Amino acid sequence: ANALFKEIRAPTKEVKENERRMPPTVTAQDLWDFDGSALHTAEAWTGASGDVQALVFPNTDVKYINDINTISDAMGPRLFLLVNP
């Protein structure tokens, strides 16, 4: 997932072409260590408006539904991906 996230560019405001080429800072945070769930974040070089997050979750447990709502509200118009392998 980290390699894929290094390629993502999703600015929500106008940015210069050369700024868009800079790779984001990618992090992963385990939610529960026993099921593979994690929140992956790509922090854009151009600022928070270009940040992207992806939630990897294995099922529709109430915890994940609540996490989806919380993260979606925080992300606003920015790209938020749901990954259910």
PDB file of N, CA and C in Angstrom:
ATOM      1  N   ALA A   1       0.821  -1.195   0.000  1.00  0.00           N
ATOM      2  CA  ALA A   1       0.000   0.000   0.000  1.00  0.00           C
ATOM      3  C   ALA A   1       0.866   1.260   0.000  1.00  0.00           C
ATOM      4  N   ASN A   2       1.994   1.209   0.703  1.00  0.00           N
ATOM      5  CA  ASN A   2       2.849   2.394   0.764  1.00  0.00           C
ATOM      6  C   ASN A   2       3.381   2.788  -0.608  1.00  0.00           C
ATOM      7  N   ALA A   3       3.765   1.810  -1.419  1.00  0.00           N
ATOM      8  CA  ALA A   3       4.283   2.120  -2.756  1.00  0.00           C
ATOM      9  C   ALA A   3       3.208   2.778  -3.607  1.00  0.00           C
ATOM     10  N   LEU A   4       1.988   2.285  -3.524  1.00  0.00           N
ATOM     11  CA  LEU A   4       0.883   2.877  -4.271  1.00  0.00           C
ATOM     12  C   LEU A   4       0.605   4.297  -3.797  1.00  0.00           C
ATOM     13  N   PHE A   5       0.611   4.490  -2.501  1.00  0.00           N
ATOM     14  CA  PHE A   5       0.333   5.817  -1.956  1.00  0.00           C
ATOM     15  C   PHE A   5       1.381   6.843  -2.346  1.00  0.00           C
ATOM     16  N   LYS A   6       2.607   6.426  -2.582  1.00  0.00           N
ATOM     17  CA  LYS A   6       3.646   7.373  -3.002  1.00  0.00           C
ATOM     18  C   LYS A   6       3.354   7.945  -4.389  1.00  0.00           C
ATOM     19  N   GLU A   7       2.482   7.282  -5.154  1.00  0.00           N
ATOM     20  CA  GLU A   7       2.129   7.730  -6.501  1.00  0.00           C
ATOM     21  C   GLU A   7       0.879   8.607  -6.535  1.00  0.00           C
ATOM     22  N   ILE A   8       0.135   8.665  -5.457  1.00  0.00           N
ATOM     23  CA  ILE A   8      -1.139   9.392  -5.432  1.00  0.00           C
ATOM     24  C   ILE A   8      -0.912  10.894  -5.364  1.00  0.00           C
ATOM     25  N   ARG A   9      -1.641  11.610  -6.224  1.00  0.00           N
ATOM     26  CA  ARG A   9      -1.681  13.072  -6.198  1.00  0.00           C
ATOM     27  C   ARG A   9      -3.144  13.454  -6.363  1.00  0.00           C
ATOM     28  N   ALA A  10      -3.745  14.059  -5.367  1.00  0.00           N
ATOM     29  CA  ALA A  10      -5.160  14.421  -5.424  1.00  0.00           C
ATOM     30  C   ALA A  10      -5.408  15.789  -4.802  1.00  0.00           C
ATOM     31  N   PRO A  11      -4.785  16.841  -5.342  1.00  0.00           N
ATOM     32  CA  PRO A  11      -4.977  18.168  -4.745  1.00  0.00           C
ATOM     33  C   PRO A  11      -6.406  18.664  -4.928  1.00  0.00           C
ATOM     34  N   THR A  12      -6.936  19.338  -3.920  1.00  0.00           N
ATOM     35  CA  THR A  12      -8.278  19.904  -4.009  1.00  0.00           C
ATOM     36  C   THR A  12      -8.221  21.404  -4.287  1.00  0.00           C
ATOM     37  N   LYS A  13      -7.033  21.913  -4.558  1.00  0.00           N
ATOM     38  CA  LYS A  13      -6.891  23.318  -4.937  1.00  0.00           C
ATOM     39  C   LYS A  13      -5.850  23.383  -6.057  1.00  0.00           C
ATOM     40  N   GLU A  14      -5.782  24.516  -6.709  1.00  0.00           N
ATOM     41  CA  GLU A  14      -4.814  24.688  -7.780  1.00  0.00           C
ATOM     42  C   GLU A  14      -3.393  24.685  -7.216  1.00  0.00           C
ATOM     43  N   VAL A  15      -2.558  23.833  -7.770  1.00  0.00           N
ATOM     44  CA  VAL A  15      -1.149  23.813  -7.391  1.00  0.00           C
ATOM     45  C   VAL A  15      -0.318  23.809  -8.663  1.00  0.00           C
ATOM     46  N   LYS A  16       0.879  24.311  -8.562  1.00  0.00           N
ATOM     47  CA  LYS A  16       1.776  24.350  -9.710  1.00  0.00           C
ATOM     48  C   LYS A  16       2.205  22.937 -10.077  1.00  0.00           C
ATOM     49  N   GLU A  17       2.402  22.712 -11.356  1.00  0.00           N
ATOM     50  CA  GLU A  17       2.753  21.384 -11.861  1.00  0.00           C
ATOM     51  C   GLU A  17       3.996  20.814 -11.184  1.00  0.00           C
ATOM     52  N   ASN A  18       5.029  21.637 -10.985  1.00  0.00           N
ATOM     53  CA  ASN A  18       6.254  21.122 -10.369  1.00  0.00           C
ATOM     54  C   ASN A  18       6.046  20.765  -8.898  1.00  0.00           C
ATOM     55  N   GLU A  19       5.099  21.433  -8.212  1.00  0.00           N
ATOM     56  CA  GLU A  19       4.792  21.085  -6.827  1.00  0.00           C
ATOM     57  C   GLU A  19       4.029  19.769  -6.753  1.00  0.00           C
ATOM     58  N   ARG A  20       3.220  19.502  -7.760  1.00  0.00           N
ATOM     59  CA  ARG A  20       2.415  18.285  -7.792  1.00  0.00           C
ATOM     60  C   ARG A  20       3.290  17.044  -7.950  1.00  0.00           C
ATOM     61  N   ARG A  21       4.461  17.194  -8.506  1.00  0.00           N
ATOM     62  CA  ARG A  21       5.361  16.061  -8.749  1.00  0.00           C
ATOM     63  C   ARG A  21       6.057  15.561  -7.487  1.00  0.00           C
ATOM     64  N   MET A  22       6.103  16.364  -6.462  1.00  0.00           N
ATOM     65  CA  MET A  22       6.796  15.970  -5.244  1.00  0.00           C
ATOM     66  C   MET A  22       6.042  14.824  -4.559  1.00  0.00           C
ATOM     67  N   PRO A  23       6.762  13.793  -4.119  1.00  0.00           N
ATOM     68  CA  PRO A  23       6.086  12.650  -3.491  1.00  0.00           C
ATOM     69  C   PRO A  23       5.548  12.999  -2.104  1.00  0.00           C
ATOM     70  N   PRO A  24       4.425  12.396  -1.737  1.00  0.00           N
ATOM     71  CA  PRO A  24       3.870  12.642  -0.408  1.00  0.00           C
ATOM     72  C   PRO A  24       4.631  11.867   0.663  1.00  0.00           C
ATOM     73  N   THR A  25       4.434  12.257   1.901  1.00  0.00           N
ATOM     74  CA  THR A  25       4.945  11.499   3.046  1.00  0.00           C
ATOM     75  C   THR A  25       3.880  10.469   3.392  1.00  0.00           C
ATOM     76  N   VAL A  26       4.259   9.201   3.380  1.00  0.00           N
ATOM     77  CA  VAL A  26       3.294   8.118   3.572  1.00  0.00           C
ATOM     78  C   VAL A  26       3.496   7.471   4.942  1.00  0.00           C
ATOM     79  N   THR A  27       2.384   7.295   5.663  1.00  0.00           N
ATOM     80  CA  THR A  27       2.420   6.623   6.960  1.00  0.00           C
ATOM     81  C   THR A  27       1.281   5.605   7.024  1.00  0.00           C
ATOM     82  N   ALA A  28       1.443   4.622   7.903  1.00  0.00           N
ATOM     83  CA  ALA A  28       0.397   3.630   8.144  1.00  0.00           C
ATOM     84  C   ALA A  28       0.235   3.465   9.642  1.00  0.00           C
ATOM     85  N   GLN A  29      -1.003   3.416  10.069  1.00  0.00           N
ATOM     86  CA  GLN A  29      -1.315   3.271  11.495  1.00  0.00           C
ATOM     87  C   GLN A  29      -2.236   2.067  11.643  1.00  0.00           C
ATOM     88  N   ASP A  30      -1.776   1.028  12.361  1.00  0.00           N
ATOM     89  CA  ASP A  30      -2.630  -0.128  12.624  1.00  0.00           C
ATOM     90  C   ASP A  30      -3.785   0.276  13.514  1.00  0.00           C
ATOM     91  N   LEU A  31      -4.975  -0.207  13.173  1.00  0.00           N
ATOM     92  CA  LEU A  31      -6.135   0.047  14.035  1.00  0.00           C
ATOM     93  C   LEU A  31      -6.248  -1.064  15.067  1.00  0.00           C
ATOM     94  N   TRP A  32      -6.328  -2.291  14.581  1.00  0.00           N
ATOM     95  CA  TRP A  32      -6.275  -3.474  15.445  1.00  0.00           C
ATOM     96  C   TRP A  32      -5.188  -4.360  14.882  1.00  0.00           C
ATOM     97  N   ASP A  33      -4.268  -4.811  15.707  1.00  0.00           N
ATOM     98  CA  ASP A  33      -3.113  -5.557  15.205  1.00  0.00           C
ATOM     99  C   ASP A  33      -3.430  -6.995  14.804  1.00  0.00           C
ATOM    100  N   PHE A  34      -4.616  -7.504  15.102  1.00  0.00           N
ATOM    101  CA  PHE A  34      -4.911  -8.904  14.830  1.00  0.00           C
ATOM    102  C   PHE A  34      -5.703  -9.139  13.539  1.00  0.00           C
ATOM    103  N   ASP A  35      -6.179  -8.058  12.877  1.00  0.00           N
ATOM    104  CA  ASP A  35      -7.013  -8.295  11.696  1.00  0.00           C
ATOM    105  C   ASP A  35      -6.539  -7.592  10.427  1.00  0.00           C
ATOM    106  N   GLY A  36      -5.409  -6.924  10.485  1.00  0.00           N
ATOM    107  CA  GLY A  36      -4.874  -6.264   9.294  1.00  0.00           C
ATOM    108  C   GLY A  36      -5.468  -4.900   9.005  1.00  0.00           C
ATOM    109  N   SER A  37      -6.339  -4.403   9.865  1.00  0.00           N
ATOM    110  CA  SER A  37      -6.939  -3.092   9.630  1.00  0.00           C
ATOM    111  C   SER A  37      -5.900  -1.994   9.862  1.00  0.00           C
ATOM    112  N   ALA A  38      -5.979  -0.961   9.022  1.00  0.00           N
ATOM    113  CA  ALA A  38      -5.011   0.135   9.134  1.00  0.00           C
ATOM    114  C   ALA A  38      -5.536   1.382   8.441  1.00  0.00           C
ATOM    115  N   LEU A  39      -5.023   2.508   8.871  1.00  0.00           N
ATOM    116  CA  LEU A  39      -5.300   3.777   8.222  1.00  0.00           C
ATOM    117  C   LEU A  39      -4.004   4.231   7.554  1.00  0.00           C
ATOM    118  N   HIS A  40      -4.030   4.321   6.229  1.00  0.00           N
ATOM    119  CA  HIS A  40      -2.874   4.766   5.456  1.00  0.00           C
ATOM    120  C   HIS A  40      -3.086   6.225   5.084  1.00  0.00           C
ATOM    121  N   THR A  41      -2.045   7.023   5.256  1.00  0.00           N
ATOM    122  CA  THR A  41      -2.130   8.454   4.978  1.00  0.00           C
ATOM    123  C   THR A  41      -1.004   8.881   4.056  1.00  0.00           C
ATOM    124  N   ALA A  42      -1.361   9.661   3.041  1.00  0.00           N
ATOM    125  CA  ALA A  42      -0.386  10.289   2.153  1.00  0.00           C
ATOM    126  C   ALA A  42      -0.504  11.791   2.372  1.00  0.00           C
ATOM    127  N   GLU A  43       0.496  12.362   3.039  1.00  0.00           N
ATOM    128  CA  GLU A  43       0.497  13.797   3.306  1.00  0.00           C
ATOM    129  C   GLU A  43       1.188  14.510   2.151  1.00  0.00           C
ATOM    130  N   ALA A  44       0.422  15.315   1.444  1.00  0.00           N
ATOM    131  CA  ALA A  44       0.912  15.975   0.238  1.00  0.00           C
ATOM    132  C   ALA A  44       1.958  17.026   0.550  1.00  0.00           C
ATOM    133  N   TRP A  45       2.919  17.131  -0.324  1.00  0.00           N
ATOM    134  CA  TRP A  45       3.971  18.140  -0.208  1.00  0.00           C
ATOM    135  C   TRP A  45       3.374  19.537  -0.322  1.00  0.00           C
ATOM    136  N   THR A  46       2.250  19.651  -1.037  1.00  0.00           N
ATOM    137  CA  THR A  46       1.621  20.948  -1.280  1.00  0.00           C
ATOM    138  C   THR A  46       0.734  21.419  -0.139  1.00  0.00           C
ATOM    139  N   GLY A  47       0.554  20.586   0.886  1.00  0.00           N
ATOM    140  CA  GLY A  47      -0.266  20.975   2.026  1.00  0.00           C
ATOM    141  C   GLY A  47      -1.452  20.052   2.221  1.00  0.00           C
ATOM    142  N   ALA A  48      -2.190  20.299   3.282  1.00  0.00           N
ATOM    143  CA  ALA A  48      -3.274  19.413   3.704  1.00  0.00           C
ATOM    144  C   ALA A  48      -4.367  19.242   2.653  1.00  0.00           C
ATOM    145  N   SER A  49      -4.557  20.212   1.779  1.00  0.00           N
ATOM    146  CA  SER A  49      -5.626  20.101   0.784  1.00  0.00           C
ATOM    147  C   SER A  49      -5.391  18.935  -0.174  1.00  0.00           C
ATOM    148  N   GLY A  50      -4.172  18.466  -0.275  1.00  0.00           N
ATOM    149  CA  GLY A  50      -3.859  17.351  -1.157  1.00  0.00           C
ATOM    150  C   GLY A  50      -3.667  16.027  -0.441  1.00  0.00           C
ATOM    151  N   ASP A  51      -3.931  15.993   0.867  1.00  0.00           N
ATOM    152  CA  ASP A  51      -3.775  14.750   1.622  1.00  0.00           C
ATOM    153  C   ASP A  51      -4.808  13.710   1.198  1.00  0.00           C
ATOM    154  N   VAL A  52      -4.413  12.440   1.296  1.00  0.00           N
ATOM    155  CA  VAL A  52      -5.284  11.323   0.956  1.00  0.00           C
ATOM    156  C   VAL A  52      -5.199  10.305   2.086  1.00  0.00           C
ATOM    157  N   GLN A  53      -6.335   9.695   2.421  1.00  0.00           N
ATOM    158  CA  GLN A  53      -6.327   8.622   3.409  1.00  0.00           C
ATOM    159  C   GLN A  53      -7.076   7.422   2.857  1.00  0.00           C
ATOM    160  N   ALA A  54      -6.644   6.223   3.290  1.00  0.00           N
ATOM    161  CA  ALA A  54      -7.318   4.985   2.926  1.00  0.00           C
ATOM    162  C   ALA A  54      -7.472   4.141   4.178  1.00  0.00           C
ATOM    163  N   LEU A  55      -8.677   3.668   4.395  1.00  0.00           N
ATOM    164  CA  LEU A  55      -8.956   2.790   5.521  1.00  0.00           C
ATOM    165  C   LEU A  55      -9.064   1.364   4.990  1.00  0.00           C
ATOM    166  N   VAL A  56      -8.180   0.497   5.477  1.00  0.00           N
ATOM    167  CA  VAL A  56      -8.222  -0.925   5.125  1.00  0.00           C
ATOM    168  C   VAL A  56      -8.922  -1.631   6.275  1.00  0.00           C
ATOM    169  N   PHE A  57     -10.052  -2.268   5.951  1.00  0.00           N
ATOM    170  CA  PHE A  57     -10.829  -2.919   7.007  1.00  0.00           C
ATOM    171  C   PHE A  57     -11.377  -4.251   6.498  1.00  0.00           C
ATOM    172  N   PRO A  58     -11.361  -5.302   7.334  1.00  0.00           N
ATOM    173  CA  PRO A  58     -11.721  -6.641   6.888  1.00  0.00           C
ATOM    174  C   PRO A  58     -13.207  -6.979   6.950  1.00  0.00           C
ATOM    175  N   ASN A  59     -13.986  -6.178   7.651  1.00  0.00           N
ATOM    176  CA  ASN A  59     -15.406  -6.493   7.795  1.00  0.00           C
ATOM    177  C   ASN A  59     -16.185  -5.225   8.126  1.00  0.00           C
ATOM    178  N   THR A  60     -17.475  -5.380   8.361  1.00  0.00           N
ATOM    179  CA  THR A  60     -18.319  -4.213   8.635  1.00  0.00           C
ATOM    180  C   THR A  60     -18.676  -4.103  10.112  1.00  0.00           C
ATOM    181  N   ASP A  61     -17.737  -4.424  10.965  1.00  0.00           N
ATOM    182  CA  ASP A  61     -17.904  -4.266  12.403  1.00  0.00           C
ATOM    183  C   ASP A  61     -18.292  -2.811  12.706  1.00  0.00           C
ATOM    184  N   VAL A  62     -19.079  -2.614  13.732  1.00  0.00           N
ATOM    185  CA  VAL A  62     -19.537  -1.274  14.115  1.00  0.00           C
ATOM    186  C   VAL A  62     -18.358  -0.324  14.315  1.00  0.00           C
ATOM    187  N   LYS A  63     -17.252  -0.829  14.834  1.00  0.00           N
ATOM    188  CA  LYS A  63     -16.066   0.020  15.033  1.00  0.00           C
ATOM    189  C   LYS A  63     -15.634   0.660  13.711  1.00  0.00           C
ATOM    190  N   TYR A  64     -15.601  -0.151  12.635  1.00  0.00           N
ATOM    191  CA  TYR A  64     -15.156   0.373  11.338  1.00  0.00           C
ATOM    192  C   TYR A  64     -16.174   1.344  10.746  1.00  0.00           C
ATOM    193  N   ILE A  65     -17.446   1.076  10.926  1.00  0.00           N
ATOM    194  CA  ILE A  65     -18.468   1.999  10.433  1.00  0.00           C
ATOM    195  C   ILE A  65     -18.316   3.350  11.125  1.00  0.00           C
ATOM    196  N   ASN A  66     -18.088   3.332  12.417  1.00  0.00           N
ATOM    197  CA  ASN A  66     -17.872   4.587  13.154  1.00  0.00           C
ATOM    198  C   ASN A  66     -16.593   5.279  12.700  1.00  0.00           C
ATOM    199  N   ASP A  67     -15.523   4.495  12.477  1.00  0.00           N
ATOM    200  CA  ASP A  67     -14.260   5.065  11.982  1.00  0.00           C
ATOM    201  C   ASP A  67     -14.459   5.716  10.616  1.00  0.00           C
ATOM    202  N   ILE A  68     -15.204   5.050   9.738  1.00  0.00           N
ATOM    203  CA  ILE A  68     -15.466   5.591   8.401  1.00  0.00           C
ATOM    204  C   ILE A  68     -16.159   6.950   8.508  1.00  0.00           C
ATOM    205  N   ASN A  69     -17.174   7.039   9.332  1.00  0.00           N
ATOM    206  CA  ASN A  69     -17.898   8.310   9.496  1.00  0.00           C
ATOM    207  C   ASN A  69     -16.994   9.402  10.055  1.00  0.00           C
ATOM    208  N   THR A  70     -16.206   9.077  11.069  1.00  0.00           N
ATOM    209  CA  THR A  70     -15.320  10.065  11.692  1.00  0.00           C
ATOM    210  C   THR A  70     -14.265  10.566  10.705  1.00  0.00           C
ATOM    211  N   ILE A  71     -13.616   9.629  10.012  1.00  0.00           N
ATOM    212  CA  ILE A  71     -12.555  10.008   9.069  1.00  0.00           C
ATOM    213  C   ILE A  71     -13.133  10.781   7.895  1.00  0.00           C
ATOM    214  N   SER A  72     -14.268  10.335   7.376  1.00  0.00           N
ATOM    215  CA  SER A  72     -14.907  11.024   6.248  1.00  0.00           C
ATOM    216  C   SER A  72     -15.244  12.464   6.611  1.00  0.00           C
ATOM    217  N   ASP A  73     -15.789  12.678   7.794  1.00  0.00           N
ATOM    218  CA  ASP A  73     -16.098  14.043   8.239  1.00  0.00           C
ATOM    219  C   ASP A  73     -14.833  14.891   8.336  1.00  0.00           C
ATOM    220  N   ALA A  74     -13.758  14.305   8.862  1.00  0.00           N
ATOM    221  CA  ALA A  74     -12.501  15.045   9.014  1.00  0.00           C
ATOM    222  C   ALA A  74     -11.852  15.358   7.664  1.00  0.00           C
ATOM    223  N   MET A  75     -12.005  14.463   6.705  1.00  0.00           N
ATOM    224  CA  MET A  75     -11.373  14.659   5.390  1.00  0.00           C
ATOM    225  C   MET A  75     -12.099  15.691   4.539  1.00  0.00           C
ATOM    226  N   GLY A  76     -13.381  15.868   4.747  1.00  0.00           N
ATOM    227  CA  GLY A  76     -14.128  16.846   3.949  1.00  0.00           C
ATOM    228  C   GLY A  76     -14.044  16.509   2.471  1.00  0.00           C
ATOM    229  N   PRO A  77     -13.630  17.465   1.615  1.00  0.00           N
ATOM    230  CA  PRO A  77     -13.597  17.215   0.173  1.00  0.00           C
ATOM    231  C   PRO A  77     -12.368  16.427  -0.309  1.00  0.00           C
ATOM    232  N   ARG A  78     -11.458  16.126   0.599  1.00  0.00           N
ATOM    233  CA  ARG A  78     -10.249  15.402   0.189  1.00  0.00           C
ATOM    234  C   ARG A  78     -10.559  13.925  -0.051  1.00  0.00           C
ATOM    235  N   LEU A  79      -9.691  13.263  -0.809  1.00  0.00           N
ATOM    236  CA  LEU A  79      -9.885  11.872  -1.190  1.00  0.00           C
ATOM    237  C   LEU A  79      -9.748  10.939   0.008  1.00  0.00           C
ATOM    238  N   PHE A  80     -10.767  10.107   0.219  1.00  0.00           N
ATOM    239  CA  PHE A  80     -10.774   9.099   1.289  1.00  0.00           C
ATOM    240  C   PHE A  80     -11.210   7.783   0.651  1.00  0.00           C
ATOM    241  N   LEU A  81     -10.303   6.805   0.676  1.00  0.00           N
ATOM    242  CA  LEU A  81     -10.556   5.514   0.054  1.00  0.00           C
ATOM    243  C   LEU A  81     -10.927   4.465   1.091  1.00  0.00           C
ATOM    244  N   LEU A  82     -11.858   3.602   0.722  1.00  0.00           N
ATOM    245  CA  LEU A  82     -12.219   2.461   1.557  1.00  0.00           C
ATOM    246  C   LEU A  82     -11.719   1.200   0.852  1.00  0.00           C
ATOM    247  N   VAL A  83     -10.935   0.402   1.570  1.00  0.00           N
ATOM    248  CA  VAL A  83     -10.365  -0.811   0.990  1.00  0.00           C
ATOM    249  C   VAL A  83     -10.813  -1.987   1.844  1.00  0.00           C
ATOM    250  N   ASN A  84     -11.561  -2.895   1.215  1.00  0.00           N
ATOM    251  CA  ASN A  84     -12.050  -4.087   1.902  1.00  0.00           C
ATOM    252  C   ASN A  84     -11.569  -5.292   1.100  1.00  0.00           C
ATOM    253  N   PRO A  85     -10.385  -5.824   1.485  1.00  0.00           N
ATOM    254  CA  PRO A  85      -9.800  -6.906   0.672  1.00  0.00           C
ATOM    255  C   PRO A  85     -10.599  -8.198   0.731  1.00  0.00           C
TER     256      PRO A  85
END
